[in-house]
C-alpha atoms as a PDB file:
ATOM      1  CA  MET A   1      18.499  70.276 -43.666  1.00  0.00           C
ATOM      2  CA  THR A   2      15.135  68.736 -43.971  1.00  0.00           C
ATOM      3  CA  ILE A   3      12.533  69.311 -41.292  1.00  0.00           C
ATOM      4  CA  GLN A   4      10.501  66.236 -40.649  1.00  0.00           C
ATOM      5  CA  PRO A   5       6.910  66.708 -39.767  1.00  0.00           C
ATOM      6  CA  GLU A   6       6.109  66.399 -36.078  1.00  0.00           C
ATOM      7  CA  PRO A   7       4.575  62.983 -35.311  1.00  0.00           C
ATOM      8  CA  LYS A   8       0.854  63.106 -34.747  1.00  0.00           C
ATOM      9  CA  PRO A   9      -0.397  61.615 -31.477  1.00  0.00           C
ATOM     10  CA  GLN A  10      -2.244  58.371 -31.979  1.00  0.00           C
ATOM     11  CA  LEU A  11      -4.497  56.492 -29.652  1.00  0.00           C
ATOM     12  CA  LEU A  12      -3.228  53.123 -28.484  1.00  0.00           C
ATOM     13  CA  PRO A  13      -5.278  50.050 -29.312  1.00  0.00           C
ATOM     14  CA  GLN A  14      -7.984  49.367 -26.702  1.00  0.00           C
ATOM     15  CA  GLN A  15      -7.599  45.586 -26.743  1.00  0.00           C
ATOM     16  CA  GLU A  16      -5.777  45.341 -23.383  1.00  0.00           C
ATOM     17  CA  THR A  17      -8.464  47.131 -21.384  1.00  0.00           C
ATOM     18  CA  PRO A  18     -11.463  44.976 -22.344  1.00  0.00           C
ATOM     19  CA  ARG A  19      -9.340  41.870 -21.879  1.00  0.00           C
ATOM     20  CA  SER A  20      -8.226  42.919 -18.396  1.00  0.00           C
ATOM     21  CA  ARG A  21     -11.806  43.861 -17.541  1.00  0.00           C
ATOM     22  CA  SER A  22     -13.104  40.487 -18.681  1.00  0.00           C
ATOM     23  CA  LEU A  23     -10.376  38.741 -16.681  1.00  0.00           C
ATOM     24  CA  TRP A  24     -11.274  40.838 -13.631  1.00  0.00           C
ATOM     25  CA  ALA A  25     -14.990  40.059 -14.045  1.00  0.00           C
ATOM     26  CA  GLY A  26     -14.257  36.343 -14.508  1.00  0.00           C
ATOM     27  CA  GLY A  27     -12.047  36.299 -11.426  1.00  0.00           C
ATOM     28  CA  THR A  28     -14.730  38.065  -9.397  1.00  0.00           C
ATOM     29  CA  LEU A  29     -17.395  35.565 -10.507  1.00  0.00           C
ATOM     30  CA  LEU A  30     -15.083  32.681  -9.649  1.00  0.00           C
ATOM     31  CA  ALA A  31     -14.396  34.133  -6.203  1.00  0.00           C
ATOM     32  CA  VAL A  32     -18.110  34.659  -5.518  1.00  0.00           C
ATOM     33  CA  ALA A  33     -18.905  31.116  -6.673  1.00  0.00           C
ATOM     34  CA  SER A  34     -16.102  29.727  -4.503  1.00  0.00           C
ATOM     35  CA  ILE A  35     -17.308  31.627  -1.449  1.00  0.00           C
ATOM     36  CA  GLY A  36     -20.892  30.501  -2.057  1.00  0.00           C
ATOM     37  CA  ALA A  37     -19.854  26.871  -2.500  1.00  0.00           C
ATOM     38  CA  GLY A  38     -17.615  27.074   0.553  1.00  0.00           C
ATOM     39  CA  ALA A  39     -20.455  28.456   2.653  1.00  0.00           C
ATOM     40  CA  PHE A  40     -22.798  25.734   1.369  1.00  0.00           C
ATOM     41  CA  PHE A  41     -20.384  22.905   2.156  1.00  0.00           C
ATOM     42  CA  PHE A  42     -19.422  24.445   5.503  1.00  0.00           C
ATOM     43  CA  THR A  43     -23.033  24.633   6.667  1.00  0.00           C
ATOM     44  CA  HIS A  44     -23.832  21.178   5.347  1.00  0.00           C
ATOM     45  CA  SER A  45     -20.648  19.549   6.613  1.00  0.00           C
ATOM     46  CA  THR A  46     -20.961  21.108  10.067  1.00  0.00           C
ATOM     47  CA  SER A  47     -24.556  19.985  10.336  1.00  0.00           C
ATOM     48  CA  THR A  48     -23.825  16.492   9.037  1.00  0.00           C
ATOM     49  CA  PRO A  49     -22.078  15.145  12.177  1.00  0.00           C
ATOM     50  CA  ALA A  50     -24.888  16.572  14.255  1.00  0.00           C
ATOM     51  CA  ALA A  51     -27.433  15.336  11.756  1.00  0.00           C
ATOM     52  CA  ALA A  52     -29.019  11.977  12.204  1.00  0.00           C
ATOM     53  CA  THR A  53     -27.304   8.816  11.136  1.00  0.00           C
ATOM     54  CA  LEU A  54     -29.964   6.188  10.787  1.00  0.00           C
ATOM     55  CA  ALA A  55     -28.887   3.108  12.639  1.00  0.00           C
ATOM     56  CA  SER A  56     -30.602   0.564  14.802  1.00  0.00           C
ATOM     57  CA  PRO A  57     -29.084  -0.428  18.171  1.00  0.00           C
ATOM     58  CA  SER A  58     -27.623  -3.517  16.500  1.00  0.00           C
ATOM     59  CA  GLY A  59     -25.855  -1.313  13.958  1.00  0.00           C
ATOM     60  CA  ASN A  60     -27.953  -2.368  10.939  1.00  0.00           C
ATOM     61  CA  GLN A  61     -29.137   0.390   8.617  1.00  0.00           C
ATOM     62  CA  THR A  62     -32.901   0.841   8.768  1.00  0.00           C
ATOM     63  CA  ALA A  63     -35.199   3.698   7.847  1.00  0.00           C
ATOM     64  CA  SER A  64     -37.425   3.187  10.904  1.00  0.00           C
ATOM     65  CA  ALA A  65     -34.631   3.390  13.475  1.00  0.00           C
ATOM     66  CA  ALA A  66     -34.095   6.314  15.815  1.00  0.00           C
ATOM     67  CA  SER A  67     -31.793   9.127  14.707  1.00  0.00           C
ATOM     68  CA  THR A  68     -28.528   8.774  16.618  1.00  0.00           C
ATOM     69  CA  PHE A  69     -26.081  11.485  17.677  1.00  0.00           C
ATOM     70  CA  GLN A  70     -22.627  10.196  18.690  1.00  0.00           C
ATOM     71  CA  ALA A  71     -20.532  11.817  21.411  1.00  0.00           C
ATOM     72  CA  ASP A  72     -17.721  10.929  23.812  1.00  0.00           C
ATOM     73  CA  ALA A  73     -17.621  11.421  27.561  1.00  0.00           C
ATOM     74  CA  GLN A  74     -14.768  10.988  30.002  1.00  0.00           C
ATOM     75  CA  LEU A  75     -16.260  10.117  33.398  1.00  0.00           C
ATOM     76  CA  SER A  76     -14.873   9.742  36.909  1.00  0.00           C
ATOM     77  CA  MET A  77     -15.032   6.362  38.618  1.00  0.00           C
ATOM     78  CA  ILE A  78     -16.679   5.962  42.012  1.00  0.00           C
ATOM     79  CA  ALA A  79     -14.540   3.988  44.481  1.00  0.00           C
ATOM     80  CA  PRO A  80     -15.918   0.438  45.026  1.00  0.00           C
ATOM     81  CA  GLY A  81     -16.229   1.162  48.764  1.00  0.00           C
ATOM     82  CA  ASP A  82     -18.592   4.059  47.984  1.00  0.00           C
ATOM     83  CA  ALA A  83     -20.803   1.967  45.664  1.00  0.00           C
ATOM     84  CA  PRO A  84     -23.617   1.216  48.189  1.00  0.00           C
ATOM     85  CA  LYS A  85     -23.981   4.908  49.062  1.00  0.00           C
ATOM     86  CA  ALA A  86     -23.832   5.967  45.396  1.00  0.00           C
ATOM     87  CA  LEU A  87     -26.490   3.425  44.363  1.00  0.00           C
ATOM     88  CA  ALA A  88     -28.810   4.426  47.221  1.00  0.00           C
ATOM     89  CA  GLY A  89     -29.697   7.697  45.505  1.00  0.00           C
ATOM     90  CA  THR A  90     -30.514   6.166  42.101  1.00  0.00           C
ATOM     91  CA  SER A  91     -33.835   5.151  40.544  1.00  0.00           C
ATOM     92  CA  PHE A  92     -32.723   1.519  40.127  1.00  0.00           C
ATOM     93  CA  THR A  93     -34.959  -1.110  41.732  1.00  0.00           C
ATOM     94  CA  GLU A  94     -33.666  -2.907  44.822  1.00  0.00           C
ATOM     95  CA  GLN A  95     -33.033  -6.029  42.734  1.00  0.00           C
ATOM     96  CA  GLN A  96     -31.040  -4.016  40.183  1.00  0.00           C
ATOM     97  CA  LYS A  97     -29.032  -2.324  42.936  1.00  0.00           C
ATOM     98  CA  SER A  98     -28.143  -5.730  44.442  1.00  0.00           C
ATOM     99  CA  SER A  99     -27.139  -7.075  41.022  1.00  0.00           C
ATOM    100  CA  ILE A 100     -24.979  -4.023  40.240  1.00  0.00           C
ATOM    101  CA  LEU A 101     -23.354  -4.042  43.682  1.00  0.00           C
ATOM    102  CA  ALA A 102     -22.479  -7.739  43.334  1.00  0.00           C
ATOM    103  CA  ALA A 103     -20.914  -7.078  39.899  1.00  0.00           C
ATOM    104  CA  VAL A 104     -18.889  -4.160  41.325  1.00  0.00           C
ATOM    105  CA  ARG A 105     -17.602  -6.347  44.177  1.00  0.00           C
ATOM    106  CA  ARG A 106     -16.594  -9.078  41.696  1.00  0.00           C
ATOM    107  CA  GLY A 107     -14.779  -6.491  39.589  1.00  0.00           C
ATOM    108  CA  ASP A 108     -17.038  -7.093  36.579  1.00  0.00           C
ATOM    109  CA  MET A 109     -18.489  -3.586  36.674  1.00  0.00           C
ATOM    110  CA  ARG A 110     -17.471  -0.074  37.687  1.00  0.00           C
ATOM    111  CA  LEU A 111     -19.653   2.806  38.767  1.00  0.00           C
ATOM    112  CA  VAL A 112     -19.171   6.252  37.291  1.00  0.00           C
ATOM    113  CA  GLU A 113     -21.014   9.470  37.898  1.00  0.00           C
ATOM    114  CA  MET A 114     -22.317  11.907  35.325  1.00  0.00           C
ATOM    115  CA  PRO A 115     -24.465  14.674  36.816  1.00  0.00           C
ATOM    116  CA  VAL A 116     -26.913  16.061  34.226  1.00  0.00           C
ATOM    117  CA  LEU A 117     -29.184  19.075  33.775  1.00  0.00           C
ATOM    118  CA  ASP A 118     -31.368  20.744  31.156  1.00  0.00           C
ATOM    119  CA  GLY A 119     -29.147  23.347  29.498  1.00  0.00           C
ATOM    120  CA  ALA A 120     -32.109  25.725  29.087  1.00  0.00           C
ATOM    121  CA  GLY A 121     -32.821  25.600  32.821  1.00  0.00           C
ATOM    122  CA  VAL A 122     -36.252  24.052  32.200  1.00  0.00           C
ATOM    123  CA  THR A 123     -37.683  21.518  34.650  1.00  0.00           C
ATOM    124  CA  GLY A 124     -39.756  18.558  33.523  1.00  0.00           C
ATOM    125  CA  GLN A 125     -38.014  17.047  30.484  1.00  0.00           C
ATOM    126  CA  THR A 126     -37.828  13.279  31.001  1.00  0.00           C
ATOM    127  CA  VAL A 127     -35.146  11.044  29.484  1.00  0.00           C
ATOM    128  CA  ASP A 128     -34.244   7.371  29.733  1.00  0.00           C
ATOM    129  CA  VAL A 129     -30.552   6.687  30.321  1.00  0.00           C
ATOM    130  CA  THR A 130     -29.512   3.120  29.444  1.00  0.00           C
ATOM    131  CA  VAL A 131     -26.147   1.434  29.972  1.00  0.00           C
ATOM    132  CA  SER A 132     -25.054  -2.186  30.471  1.00  0.00           C
ATOM    133  CA  GLY A 133     -28.667  -3.358  30.236  1.00  0.00           C
ATOM    134  CA  PHE A 134     -29.926  -1.040  33.011  1.00  0.00           C
ATOM    135  CA  THR A 135     -32.246   1.915  32.401  1.00  0.00           C
ATOM    136  CA  GLN A 136     -32.887   4.904  34.640  1.00  0.00           C
ATOM    137  CA  ARG A 137     -35.638   7.452  34.032  1.00  0.00           C
ATOM    138  CA  ILE A 138     -34.479  10.976  34.837  1.00  0.00           C
ATOM    139  CA  VAL A 139     -36.569  14.156  35.085  1.00  0.00           C
ATOM    140  CA  LEU A 140     -34.202  16.981  34.160  1.00  0.00           C
ATOM    141  CA  THR A 141     -34.071  20.297  35.992  1.00  0.00           C
ATOM    142  CA  GLY A 142     -32.001  23.446  35.668  1.00  0.00           C
ATOM    143  CA  LYS A 143     -29.536  22.134  38.280  1.00  0.00           C
ATOM    144  CA  PHE A 144     -27.094  19.238  38.098  1.00  0.00           C
ATOM    145  CA  GLN A 145     -28.557  16.079  39.556  1.00  0.00           C
ATOM    146  CA  HIS A 146     -26.659  12.967  40.528  1.00  0.00           C
ATOM    147  CA  LEU A 147     -26.607  10.213  37.870  1.00  0.00           C
ATOM    148  CA  VAL A 148     -24.732   6.968  38.575  1.00  0.00           C
ATOM    149  CA  LEU A 149     -23.937   4.659  35.663  1.00  0.00           C
ATOM    150  CA  PRO A 150     -22.849   1.004  35.916  1.00  0.00           C
ATOM    151  CA  ILE A 151     -20.139   0.492  33.296  1.00  0.00           C
ATOM    152  CA  VAL A 152     -18.785  -2.781  31.971  1.00  0.00           C
ATOM    153  CA  GLU A 153     -15.395  -2.819  30.123  1.00  0.00           C
ATOM    154  CA  ALA A 154     -16.356  -0.658  27.156  1.00  0.00           C
ATOM    155  CA  ALA A 155     -19.749   0.924  27.498  1.00  0.00           C
ATOM    156  CA  GLN A 156     -22.098   3.004  25.454  1.00  0.00           C
ATOM    157  CA  VAL A 157     -24.667   5.124  27.239  1.00  0.00           C
ATOM    158  CA  THR A 158     -27.862   5.847  25.318  1.00  0.00           C
ATOM    159  CA  ILE A 159     -30.083   8.792  26.196  1.00  0.00           C
ATOM    160  CA  ASP A 160     -33.628   8.685  24.788  1.00  0.00           C
ATOM    161  CA  PRO A 161     -36.193  11.454  25.295  1.00  0.00           C
ATOM    162  CA  VAL A 162     -39.434  10.281  26.913  1.00  0.00           C
ATOM    163  CA  THR A 163     -41.207  13.635  26.696  1.00  0.00           C
ATOM    164  CA  MET A 164     -41.184  15.740  23.532  1.00  0.00           C
ATOM    165  CA  PRO A 165     -38.060  17.990  23.604  1.00  0.00           C
ATOM    166  CA  HIS A 166     -38.947  21.615  24.237  1.00  0.00           C
ATOM    167  CA  ALA A 167     -38.328  24.305  21.624  1.00  0.00           C
ATOM    168  CA  PRO A 168     -35.942  25.121  20.117  1.00  0.00           C
ATOM    169  CA  ALA A 169     -34.081  22.008  21.332  1.00  0.00           C
ATOM    170  CA  LEU A 170     -33.301  19.970  24.420  1.00  0.00           C
ATOM    171  CA  THR A 171     -29.620  20.337  25.223  1.00  0.00           C
ATOM    172  CA  ILE A 172     -28.467  18.178  28.110  1.00  0.00           C
ATOM    173  CA  GLY A 173     -25.514  19.430  30.077  1.00  0.00           C
ATOM    174  CA  ALA A 174     -23.285  16.755  31.621  1.00  0.00           C
ATOM    175  CA  LEU A 175     -20.602  17.176  34.250  1.00  0.00           C
ATOM    176  CA  THR A 176     -17.701  15.022  33.036  1.00  0.00           C
ATOM    177  CA  ALA A 177     -14.168  14.433  34.297  1.00  0.00           C
ATOM    178  CA  LEU A 178     -13.089  17.314  32.031  1.00  0.00           C
ATOM    179  CA  GLY A 179     -15.782  19.718  33.278  1.00  0.00           C
ATOM    180  CA  PRO A 180     -19.233  20.731  31.999  1.00  0.00           C
ATOM    181  CA  GLU A 181     -20.053  19.485  28.510  1.00  0.00           C
ATOM    182  CA  ALA A 182     -23.075  20.125  26.277  1.00  0.00           C
ATOM    183  CA  LEU A 183     -24.344  16.926  24.662  1.00  0.00           C
ATOM    184  CA  PRO A 184     -25.841  16.971  21.146  1.00  0.00           C
ATOM    185  CA  SER A 185     -29.259  18.674  21.059  1.00  0.00           C
ATOM    186  CA  LEU A 186     -32.502  16.722  20.657  1.00  0.00           C
ATOM    187  CA  THR A 187     -35.521  18.064  18.799  1.00  0.00           C
ATOM    188  CA  ALA A 188     -37.728  14.964  18.402  1.00  0.00           C
ATOM    189  CA  LEU A 189     -38.756  11.791  20.230  1.00  0.00           C
ATOM    190  CA  THR A 190     -37.182   9.706  17.447  1.00  0.00           C
ATOM    191  CA  GLN A 191     -33.697  10.997  18.266  1.00  0.00           C
ATOM    192  CA  ARG A 192     -31.183   9.597  20.736  1.00  0.00           C
ATOM    193  CA  ILE A 193     -27.695  10.326  22.032  1.00  0.00           C
ATOM    194  CA  VAL A 194     -25.094   7.558  22.210  1.00  0.00           C
ATOM    195  CA  LEU A 195     -22.122   8.306  24.441  1.00  0.00           C
ATOM    196  CA  ASP A 196     -18.898   6.332  24.189  1.00  0.00           C
ATOM    197  CA  VAL A 197     -17.686   6.356  27.771  1.00  0.00           C
ATOM    198  CA  ILE A 198     -14.059   6.520  28.863  1.00  0.00           C
ATOM    199  CA  VAL A 199     -13.606   5.825  32.587  1.00  0.00           C
ATOM    200  CA  GLN A 200     -10.927   7.723  34.502  1.00  0.00           C
END
């Protein structure tokens, strides 16, 4: 009977370990790059809708136009019988009030209300609110103040700052049919808010 020598222990080849380490390192780099790119696109894509889209009121692209922030607002209609009382508290001229009231009685126009305030509670910020060819100048306060808007069929309400928005930004709060709503923030006189109004 022949005794075979006991096998000597041998080290296994080390090729698998460096390969798995390089795969792990590559996967980690890819994950970090993906997270970084995701964060970059998230911050840029979330700021893009709020960022300015250069457009003139006529819709033509122009570099000198005001920066426009789009938003939607669902507003409650004022009953035609309450129109004279609602218009009495506005900053419209007497001639404008008569013209609006006549249009409401003919059924060509509806009145809606959208109380507004300065979201920071600051008093003194002045804005122009324009709709259907009529402009009202409003001095914002920290409390909701009555704002009546004459709306034709489909209306857009534009809000333009008259005084330089306070730091860090002027955020106008509006009381809509769905409750309080923060409108896009303004940081410069060249910016404006355009509201697409849905009347309830």
